[in-house]
Protein backbone atom coordinates (compact mmCIF):
# COMPACT_ATOMS: atom_id res chain seq x y z
CA UNK A 1 44.72 67.02 127.92
CA UNK A 2 47.11 66.37 130.77
CA UNK A 3 46.43 67.41 134.36
CA UNK A 4 49.02 68.22 137.01
CA UNK A 5 47.90 68.76 140.61
CA UNK A 6 49.49 70.45 143.59
CA UNK A 7 47.72 70.63 146.96
CA UNK A 8 49.62 72.01 149.95
CA UNK A 9 49.09 74.14 153.08
CA UNK A 10 48.65 77.86 152.43
CA UNK A 11 48.98 81.06 154.44
CA UNK A 12 51.11 79.66 157.22
CA UNK A 13 54.56 80.74 158.34
CA UNK A 14 57.24 78.19 157.51
CA UNK A 15 60.86 78.35 158.72
CA UNK A 16 63.30 79.94 156.30
CA UNK A 17 64.15 77.58 153.44
CA UNK A 18 61.44 75.04 154.35
CA UNK A 19 58.72 74.47 151.75
CA UNK A 20 55.20 73.50 152.80
CA UNK A 21 54.50 69.76 152.67
CA UNK A 22 52.68 68.37 149.63
CA UNK A 23 49.28 66.82 150.33
CA UNK A 24 48.80 65.82 146.69
CA UNK A 25 51.21 66.40 143.82
CA UNK A 26 51.94 65.23 140.31
CA UNK A 27 50.03 64.14 137.20
CA UNK A 28 46.50 62.80 137.48
CA UNK A 29 43.09 62.91 135.95
CA UNK A 30 40.59 65.72 135.49
CA UNK A 31 39.35 65.11 139.04
CA UNK A 32 41.23 64.24 142.22
CA UNK A 33 40.16 62.94 145.62
CA UNK A 34 41.95 64.52 148.57
CA UNK A 35 41.51 63.71 152.25
CA UNK A 36 42.65 66.46 154.60
CA UNK A 37 43.80 65.14 157.96
CA UNK A 38 44.40 68.48 159.66
CA UNK A 39 42.49 71.78 159.77
CA UNK A 40 43.90 74.84 158.03
CA UNK A 41 44.06 76.63 154.70
CA UNK A 42 45.14 74.75 151.58
CA UNK A 43 46.07 75.85 148.07
CA UNK A 44 44.65 73.62 145.35
CA UNK A 45 46.48 74.28 142.06
CA UNK A 46 45.73 72.56 138.75
CA UNK A 47 47.76 72.91 135.55
CA UNK A 48 45.96 71.77 132.38
CA UNK A 49 48.10 71.25 129.25
CA UNK A 50 47.06 70.20 125.73
CA UNK A 51 50.63 69.89 124.44
CA UNK A 52 50.65 73.39 122.90
CA UNK A 53 49.15 75.68 125.52
CA UNK A 54 48.71 75.37 129.28
CA UNK A 55 46.55 77.14 131.86
CA UNK A 56 46.72 77.27 135.64
CA UNK A 57 43.76 77.55 138.00
CA UNK A 58 43.66 77.53 141.76
CA UNK A 59 41.28 77.47 144.70
CA UNK A 60 41.77 78.21 148.39
CA UNK A 61 40.15 75.58 150.61
CA UNK A 62 39.43 76.13 154.30
CA UNK A 63 39.37 72.95 156.38
CA UNK A 64 37.59 73.83 159.60
CA UNK A 65 38.66 72.48 162.98
CA UNK A 66 36.37 70.35 165.12
CA UNK A 67 36.17 70.44 168.90
CA UNK A 68 35.07 73.28 171.18
CA UNK A 69 34.30 76.48 169.26
CA UNK A 70 34.95 79.75 171.07
CA UNK A 71 34.02 83.33 170.14
CA UNK A 72 31.92 82.60 167.06
CA UNK A 73 29.96 85.88 167.32
CA UNK A 74 30.96 89.46 168.13
CA UNK A 75 28.77 89.45 171.23
CA UNK A 76 30.87 86.59 172.62
CA UNK A 77 33.98 88.77 172.95
CA UNK A 78 35.28 91.15 175.61
CA UNK A 79 38.54 93.06 175.94
CA UNK A 80 41.01 94.41 178.48
CA UNK A 81 43.81 96.98 178.28
CA UNK A 82 45.81 98.96 180.85
CA UNK A 83 44.61 102.49 180.04
CA UNK A 84 41.30 104.15 180.89
CA UNK A 85 40.85 105.63 177.41
CA UNK A 86 41.27 102.33 175.60
CA UNK A 87 38.28 101.15 173.56
CA UNK A 88 37.43 98.27 171.26
CA UNK A 89 34.51 97.26 169.07
CA UNK A 90 33.49 93.81 167.84
CA UNK A 91 31.35 93.40 164.73
CA UNK A 92 30.03 90.35 162.87
CA UNK A 93 30.93 90.60 159.18
CA UNK A 94 29.92 88.37 156.25
CA UNK A 95 32.23 86.34 154.04
CA UNK A 96 34.12 84.58 156.79
CA UNK A 97 35.60 81.15 156.25
CA UNK A 98 32.82 79.62 158.34
CA UNK A 99 29.87 81.95 157.88
CA UNK A 100 30.50 85.27 159.59
CA UNK A 101 33.84 86.56 160.84
CA UNK A 102 34.43 88.64 163.96
CA UNK A 103 36.13 91.98 163.32
CA UNK A 104 37.81 93.64 166.32
CA UNK A 105 38.99 97.26 166.10
CA UNK A 106 40.83 99.02 168.93
CA UNK A 107 42.67 102.26 169.65
CA UNK A 108 44.90 100.48 172.16
CA UNK A 109 48.65 100.98 172.08
CA UNK A 110 49.95 98.10 174.17
CA UNK A 111 49.05 95.11 176.34
CA UNK A 112 45.71 94.61 174.61
CA UNK A 113 43.73 91.42 175.18
CA UNK A 114 40.56 90.19 173.49
CA UNK A 115 38.89 87.24 175.15
CA UNK A 116 35.97 84.87 174.65
CA UNK A 117 33.53 84.19 176.05
CA UNK A 118 33.04 87.69 177.45
CA UNK A 119 31.36 86.13 180.48
CA UNK A 120 34.51 84.06 181.17
CA UNK A 121 32.45 80.99 182.03
CA UNK A 122 33.32 78.50 179.28
CA UNK A 123 34.10 75.77 181.85
CA UNK A 124 35.68 73.53 179.19
CA UNK A 125 37.83 70.51 180.03
CA UNK A 126 40.69 70.62 177.51
CA UNK A 127 42.75 67.89 179.19
CA UNK A 128 41.99 65.45 176.34
CA UNK A 129 42.41 68.06 173.59
CA UNK A 130 45.72 68.41 171.78
CA UNK A 131 45.64 71.74 169.94
CA UNK A 132 44.12 75.18 169.54
CA UNK A 133 43.73 76.81 166.16
CA UNK A 134 42.08 79.76 164.44
CA UNK A 135 41.96 81.69 161.19
CA UNK A 136 43.18 85.28 161.53
CA UNK A 137 43.63 88.47 159.54
CA UNK A 138 45.02 91.73 160.90
CA UNK A 139 45.64 95.34 159.94
CA UNK A 140 48.36 97.41 161.61
CA UNK A 141 49.14 100.71 159.90
CA UNK A 142 51.61 101.90 162.54
CA UNK A 143 55.12 102.54 161.27
CA UNK A 144 56.80 99.72 163.18
CA UNK A 145 53.71 97.47 163.42
CA UNK A 146 53.75 94.84 166.17
CA UNK A 147 55.92 95.36 169.22
CA UNK A 148 57.10 91.79 169.70
CA UNK A 149 56.00 88.29 168.77
CA UNK A 150 52.21 88.12 168.65
CA UNK A 151 49.57 86.88 169.06
CA UNK A 152 50.11 85.47 172.52
CA UNK A 153 47.39 82.89 173.19
CA UNK A 154 46.12 82.31 176.73
CA UNK A 155 43.89 79.64 178.24
CA UNK A 156 42.64 81.08 181.52
CA UNK A 157 40.52 80.45 184.59
CA UNK A 158 40.10 82.07 187.99
CA UNK A 159 43.09 79.99 189.14
CA UNK A 160 45.51 81.51 186.63
CA UNK A 161 46.57 81.04 183.03
CA UNK A 162 48.46 78.89 180.57
CA UNK A 163 50.22 81.19 178.11
CA UNK A 164 51.51 80.25 174.66
CA UNK A 165 54.14 82.64 173.28
CA UNK A 166 55.16 82.35 169.60
CA UNK A 167 58.83 82.26 168.69
CA UNK A 168 58.20 84.65 165.77
CA UNK A 169 55.85 87.49 164.85
CA UNK A 170 52.82 85.71 163.36
CA UNK A 171 50.24 88.48 163.03
CA UNK A 172 50.21 89.98 159.53
CA UNK A 173 50.20 93.75 158.94
CA UNK A 174 47.69 93.71 156.09
CA UNK A 175 44.26 92.03 156.03
CA UNK A 176 44.65 90.98 152.40
CA UNK A 177 44.60 87.27 153.24
CA UNK A 178 43.73 84.83 155.99
CA UNK A 179 46.34 82.96 157.99
CA UNK A 180 45.86 79.73 159.87
CA UNK A 181 47.56 79.66 163.27
CA UNK A 182 47.66 76.55 165.42
CA UNK A 183 49.56 75.49 168.50
CA UNK A 184 49.96 72.22 170.38
CA UNK A 185 48.58 72.45 173.91
CA UNK A 186 51.70 70.70 175.16
CA UNK A 187 53.84 73.52 173.74
CA UNK A 188 56.56 73.29 171.12
CA UNK A 189 56.39 73.61 167.32
CA UNK A 190 57.32 77.29 167.55
CA UNK A 191 55.31 78.01 170.73
CA UNK A 192 56.61 78.31 174.30
CA UNK A 193 54.12 77.22 176.96
CA UNK A 194 54.22 79.08 180.29
CA UNK A 195 52.11 77.69 183.15
CA UNK A 196 50.91 80.14 185.76
CA UNK A 197 48.39 78.48 188.06
CA UNK A 198 45.84 77.17 185.55
CA UNK A 199 45.13 73.66 184.31
CA UNK A 200 43.83 72.40 180.97
CA UNK A 201 41.00 70.65 182.83
CA UNK A 202 39.40 74.04 183.56
CA UNK A 203 39.44 76.57 180.71
CA UNK A 204 37.01 79.43 181.35
CA UNK A 205 38.10 81.73 178.54
CA UNK A 206 40.54 82.03 175.64
CA UNK A 207 42.54 85.22 175.27
CA UNK A 208 44.46 86.67 172.32
CA UNK A 209 47.02 89.34 173.23
CA UNK A 210 48.76 91.87 171.00
CA UNK A 211 50.98 94.91 171.38
CA UNK A 212 51.78 97.59 168.82
CA UNK A 213 54.07 100.57 168.38
CA UNK A 214 52.01 103.78 168.31
CA UNK A 215 48.31 102.86 168.67
CA UNK A 216 45.36 101.24 166.97
CA UNK A 217 44.91 98.03 164.97
CA UNK A 218 42.30 95.55 163.71
CA UNK A 219 42.06 91.78 164.03
CA UNK A 220 39.62 89.41 162.29
CA UNK A 221 39.05 85.96 163.80
CA UNK A 222 37.15 82.92 162.52
CA UNK A 223 36.89 79.27 163.52
CA UNK A 224 38.66 79.54 166.89
CA UNK A 225 38.61 76.02 168.34
CA UNK A 226 40.16 73.84 171.00
CA UNK A 227 40.36 70.38 169.50
C-alpha cells in the first residue's frame, strides 16, 4: 500500500485564486505526525492506493485557541438592537467543536449586536494578546442575506470601543459547516481596525455585530478567544 497525505486549513475564506497553505503534503507512511501551530479548522485527507484501486478518507480537525475564553455558555451572552420589538434567544446545544455550542436566534432586521459577557465586566488586559478568533456557523434565509460585510467584531469598555470591520462578507448563509474566523488585534489581514476611545488594556466585553436584509437570522458560536 502507498499513502498520500494532505493536511491544510479548512472552512476559511481565501482571496480569489489563492489556495490554502499545506501543513503536510505528499507520500508517507500509514501514520503521520502533525504539529499545528495556529488554531482553526483543518482538513486531513489520506489517499490509500494498492496499485490497482485507491480510496480516499478524510477527517475535520478543530484546533482550539488558547488565551481568554469569552461567551462559552448561553447565559454569558446579551444582545442589543435599535428597535423595541427586537428579541433574541441564546441556547446551549450539544455537538460543538469544544463541548457545547451557543446558538443565537433573533428576529432583528438591522444593527444587531450580541455581546459577552452579558454583565460587561470581563476586565481583561489584551495588550499582550495578538489575535481574536472563533468558530462560527450562521443561517440567513432572507432573500439578499447579509446587508454588508459581517461580522463586525468589537472589543469594548465604558471608555469606548475598538472595532474590527472585515473587508468581505464572512458570515455564511447556511449552517451546514463551521467556519474559523480570526483577526489580528493590530488590524490588517482583511480587517480594518477603528479605534474609538477604548484601549486593549481594558476589554470589558466582546461584541459581534450583524445586519440583514428583511429580518431574522441565527448564529452559532464556539471557542471565542482572545489569545
